[in-house]
Protein backbone atom coordinates (compact mmCIF):
# COMPACT_ATOMS: atom_id res chain seq x y z
CA UNK A 1 0.00 0.00 0.00
CA UNK A 2 1.46 3.37 -0.95
CA UNK A 3 0.29 4.92 2.32
CA UNK A 4 2.94 2.89 4.13
CA UNK A 5 5.60 5.11 2.60
CA UNK A 6 4.51 7.73 5.14
CA UNK A 7 6.14 5.72 7.91
CA UNK A 8 9.33 4.46 6.30
CA UNK A 9 11.63 7.04 7.90
CA UNK A 10 10.19 6.27 11.31
CA UNK A 11 11.91 2.88 11.16
CA UNK A 12 15.44 4.30 11.60
CA UNK A 13 14.39 7.47 13.45
CA UNK A 14 12.03 8.32 16.29
CA UNK A 15 9.79 10.74 14.39
CA UNK A 16 6.46 9.01 14.99
CA UNK A 17 4.56 12.18 15.90
CA UNK A 18 5.19 13.48 12.40
CA UNK A 19 4.81 10.23 10.48
CA UNK A 20 1.54 9.34 12.22
CA UNK A 21 0.19 12.75 11.23
CA UNK A 22 1.37 12.26 7.64
CA UNK A 23 -0.49 8.95 7.48
CA UNK A 24 -3.65 10.90 8.32
CA UNK A 25 -2.83 13.66 5.85
CA UNK A 26 -2.33 11.11 3.09
CA UNK A 27 -5.72 9.54 3.73
CA UNK A 28 -7.51 12.89 3.68
CA UNK A 29 -5.65 14.63 0.85
CA UNK A 30 -6.80 14.69 -2.79
CA UNK A 31 -5.63 11.75 -4.88
CA UNK A 32 -3.64 14.18 -7.02
CA UNK A 33 -1.32 14.91 -4.08
CA UNK A 34 -0.66 11.31 -3.07
CA UNK A 35 2.38 10.76 -5.29
CA UNK A 36 4.12 13.84 -3.90
CA UNK A 37 3.30 12.83 -0.32
CA UNK A 38 4.55 9.29 -0.88
CA UNK A 39 7.79 10.53 -2.45
CA UNK A 40 8.34 12.83 0.51
CA UNK A 41 7.49 10.11 2.98
CA UNK A 42 10.31 7.86 1.79
CA UNK A 43 12.87 10.65 1.42
CA UNK A 44 15.06 11.29 4.48
CA UNK A 45 15.91 14.79 3.31
CA UNK A 46 12.30 15.79 2.66
CA UNK A 47 11.05 14.44 5.98
CA UNK A 48 13.74 16.35 7.87
CA UNK A 49 12.96 19.49 5.89
CA UNK A 50 9.32 19.08 6.89
CA UNK A 51 10.24 18.82 10.57
CA UNK A 52 12.55 21.82 10.37
CA UNK A 53 9.84 23.86 8.64
CA UNK A 54 7.43 23.12 11.48
CA UNK A 55 9.98 24.11 14.12
CA UNK A 56 10.68 27.34 12.24
CA UNK A 57 6.93 28.04 12.12
CA UNK A 58 6.78 27.72 15.90
CA UNK A 59 9.74 30.06 16.28
CA UNK A 60 8.23 32.61 13.91
CA UNK A 61 4.91 32.51 15.76
CA UNK A 62 6.57 32.84 19.16
CA UNK A 63 5.32 29.46 20.39
CA UNK A 64 8.18 28.95 22.79
CA UNK A 65 5.83 26.94 25.02
CA UNK A 66 5.50 24.22 22.38
CA UNK A 67 9.21 24.36 21.52
CA UNK A 68 10.11 23.99 25.19
CA UNK A 69 7.75 21.03 25.59
CA UNK A 70 9.31 19.30 22.57
CA UNK A 71 12.79 19.89 23.92
CA UNK A 72 11.89 18.65 27.40
CA UNK A 73 10.16 15.55 26.08
CA UNK A 74 12.99 14.65 23.71
CA UNK A 75 15.56 15.09 26.50
CA UNK A 76 13.64 12.58 28.63
CA UNK A 77 14.65 9.72 26.30
CA UNK A 78 17.86 7.79 26.89
CA UNK A 79 20.80 9.26 25.00
CA UNK A 80 19.04 12.55 24.28
CA UNK A 81 19.67 14.42 27.52
CA UNK A 82 21.67 17.17 25.76
CA UNK A 83 19.26 17.49 22.81
CA UNK A 84 18.13 21.01 21.90
CA UNK A 85 15.97 22.55 19.19
CA UNK A 86 18.92 24.66 18.04
CA UNK A 87 21.32 21.73 17.69
CA UNK A 88 18.64 19.67 15.95
CA UNK A 89 18.08 22.35 13.33
CA UNK A 90 21.86 22.59 12.84
CA UNK A 91 21.98 18.83 12.33
CA UNK A 92 19.24 19.09 9.69
CA UNK A 93 21.07 21.98 7.98
CA UNK A 94 24.15 19.77 7.70
CA UNK A 95 22.07 17.22 5.78
CA UNK A 96 22.08 19.57 2.79
CA UNK A 97 25.85 19.16 2.60
CA UNK A 98 26.45 15.68 3.97
CA UNK A 99 23.20 13.81 3.42
CA UNK A 100 21.07 12.15 6.10
CA UNK A 101 22.59 9.12 7.78
CA UNK A 102 19.61 6.88 8.43
CA UNK A 103 21.63 5.06 11.09
CA UNK A 104 21.91 8.23 13.18
CA UNK A 105 19.25 8.05 15.93
CA UNK A 106 19.78 11.72 16.78
CA UNK A 107 17.39 12.66 13.99
CA UNK A 108 14.68 11.51 16.40
CA UNK A 109 12.44 14.11 18.04
CA UNK A 110 9.87 13.67 20.80
CA UNK A 111 6.48 15.27 20.20
CA UNK A 112 4.20 15.69 23.24
CA UNK A 113 0.48 15.09 22.54
CA UNK A 114 -0.25 18.84 22.46
CA UNK A 115 2.50 19.33 19.88
CA UNK A 116 1.07 16.58 17.66
CA UNK A 117 -2.31 18.29 17.89
CA UNK A 118 -0.71 21.60 16.95
CA UNK A 119 1.05 20.04 13.95
CA UNK A 120 -2.20 18.46 12.77
CA UNK A 121 -3.92 21.85 12.98
CA UNK A 122 -1.10 24.10 11.78
CA UNK A 123 0.34 22.01 8.95
CA UNK A 124 -2.05 19.18 8.09
CA UNK A 125 -5.22 21.29 8.07
CA UNK A 126 -7.15 19.35 10.70
CA UNK A 127 -8.72 22.26 12.62
CA UNK A 128 -10.66 19.97 14.96
CA UNK A 129 -7.65 17.96 16.14
CA UNK A 130 -7.61 17.38 19.88
CA UNK A 131 -6.54 14.99 22.61
CA UNK A 132 -9.59 12.82 23.24
CA UNK A 133 -10.72 10.84 26.23
CA UNK A 134 -9.24 7.36 26.43
CA UNK A 135 -12.73 5.94 26.09
CA UNK A 136 -13.01 7.33 22.55
CA UNK A 137 -13.97 4.71 19.98
CA UNK A 138 -13.29 6.83 16.90
CA UNK A 139 -12.46 4.75 13.82
CA UNK A 140 -9.52 6.98 12.97
CA UNK A 141 -7.04 8.43 15.45
CA UNK A 142 -3.43 8.61 16.54
CA UNK A 143 -2.71 6.34 19.48
CA UNK A 144 -0.01 7.29 21.97
CA UNK A 145 1.53 4.13 23.39
CA UNK A 146 3.18 4.01 26.81
CA UNK A 147 4.80 1.49 29.11
CA UNK A 148 5.99 1.33 32.71
CA UNK A 149 8.75 -1.10 31.76
CA UNK A 150 11.10 1.62 30.50
CA UNK A 151 12.36 4.79 32.11
CA UNK A 152 10.13 7.22 30.27
CA UNK A 153 8.72 9.56 32.92
CA UNK A 154 6.57 11.92 30.88
CA UNK A 155 3.00 11.56 29.61
CA UNK A 156 2.34 8.22 31.33
CA UNK A 157 5.35 6.52 29.79
CA UNK A 158 4.55 7.67 26.24
CA UNK A 159 7.11 6.27 23.84
CA UNK A 160 5.51 5.89 20.41
CA UNK A 161 2.56 6.94 18.25
CA UNK A 162 0.55 4.65 15.99
CA UNK A 163 -1.94 5.65 13.31
CA UNK A 164 -5.26 3.78 13.47
CA UNK A 165 -7.82 3.74 10.69
CA UNK A 166 -10.68 1.26 10.34
CA UNK A 167 -9.13 -1.36 12.63
CA UNK A 168 -5.78 -1.27 10.83
CA UNK A 169 -2.71 0.14 12.53
CA UNK A 170 0.09 1.79 10.57
CA UNK A 171 3.64 2.37 11.80
CA UNK A 172 7.21 2.09 10.51
CA UNK A 173 5.95 1.57 6.96
CA UNK A 174 4.03 -1.55 8.01
CA UNK A 175 0.47 -2.50 8.93
CA UNK A 176 -0.74 -4.39 12.00
CA UNK A 177 -4.04 -5.76 13.29
CA UNK A 178 -3.63 -4.65 16.90
CA UNK A 179 -1.45 -2.53 19.18
CA UNK A 180 0.28 -5.50 20.79
CA UNK A 181 1.54 -6.73 17.42
CA UNK A 182 2.63 -3.23 16.42
CA UNK A 183 4.55 -2.62 19.64
CA UNK A 184 6.01 -6.07 20.23
CA UNK A 185 9.73 -5.81 20.88
CA UNK A 186 9.83 -2.00 20.86
CA UNK A 187 12.37 -0.97 23.49
CA UNK A 188 12.89 -4.64 24.26
CA UNK A 189 9.40 -4.78 25.76
CA UNK A 190 6.64 -7.22 24.84
CA UNK A 191 3.69 -5.79 22.98
CA UNK A 192 1.24 -6.51 25.81
CA UNK A 193 3.26 -4.27 28.14
CA UNK A 194 2.52 -1.26 25.95
CA UNK A 195 -0.81 0.44 26.64
CA UNK A 196 -2.74 3.24 24.96
CA UNK A 197 -2.06 6.32 27.11
CA UNK A 198 -3.27 8.98 24.69
CA UNK A 199 -5.77 9.28 21.85
CA UNK A 200 -5.68 12.10 19.34
CA UNK A 201 -8.67 12.58 17.07
CA UNK A 202 -9.12 14.96 14.16
């Protein structure tokens, strides 16, 4: 399925807040735009340019609150304690010269639920995006998955986002039938130890 190209770059990098949103954008965009979206979804350079553009939008609009929340959340992950927005943008700028090393995990970026909602509204044109109650049974949403088995202290152990549409889950350029299958082995944790801790509807 071409839509799976939206998640290909999430396999080497932790950019699930963006890729889950792009899955949704692909499903709701005109057919004429699908080829361009799919090409961008499998291009490391284009995905990083998209992320940088969003961060620059936040800077231009003075949304330091969202930028600070992204920085704090990203720093909460192992190996990212010195991560900053400024150094991340510099790393993306260097891609123009050196190319994007898909083995480099430092292209990952943690998006809090409110930041994903903002990206859906600001960039993907989903004005009604919001964090929903966990009891929501919407047929399409972004699921925030968390676990207590890893040292992830923020947002109830949030560690990954999945895109759900009509009982099919999309992530990492693959499809799954349930959250346990999608999350099995992530962080060395069994799929059943990952729980839905956040639901974003749009």
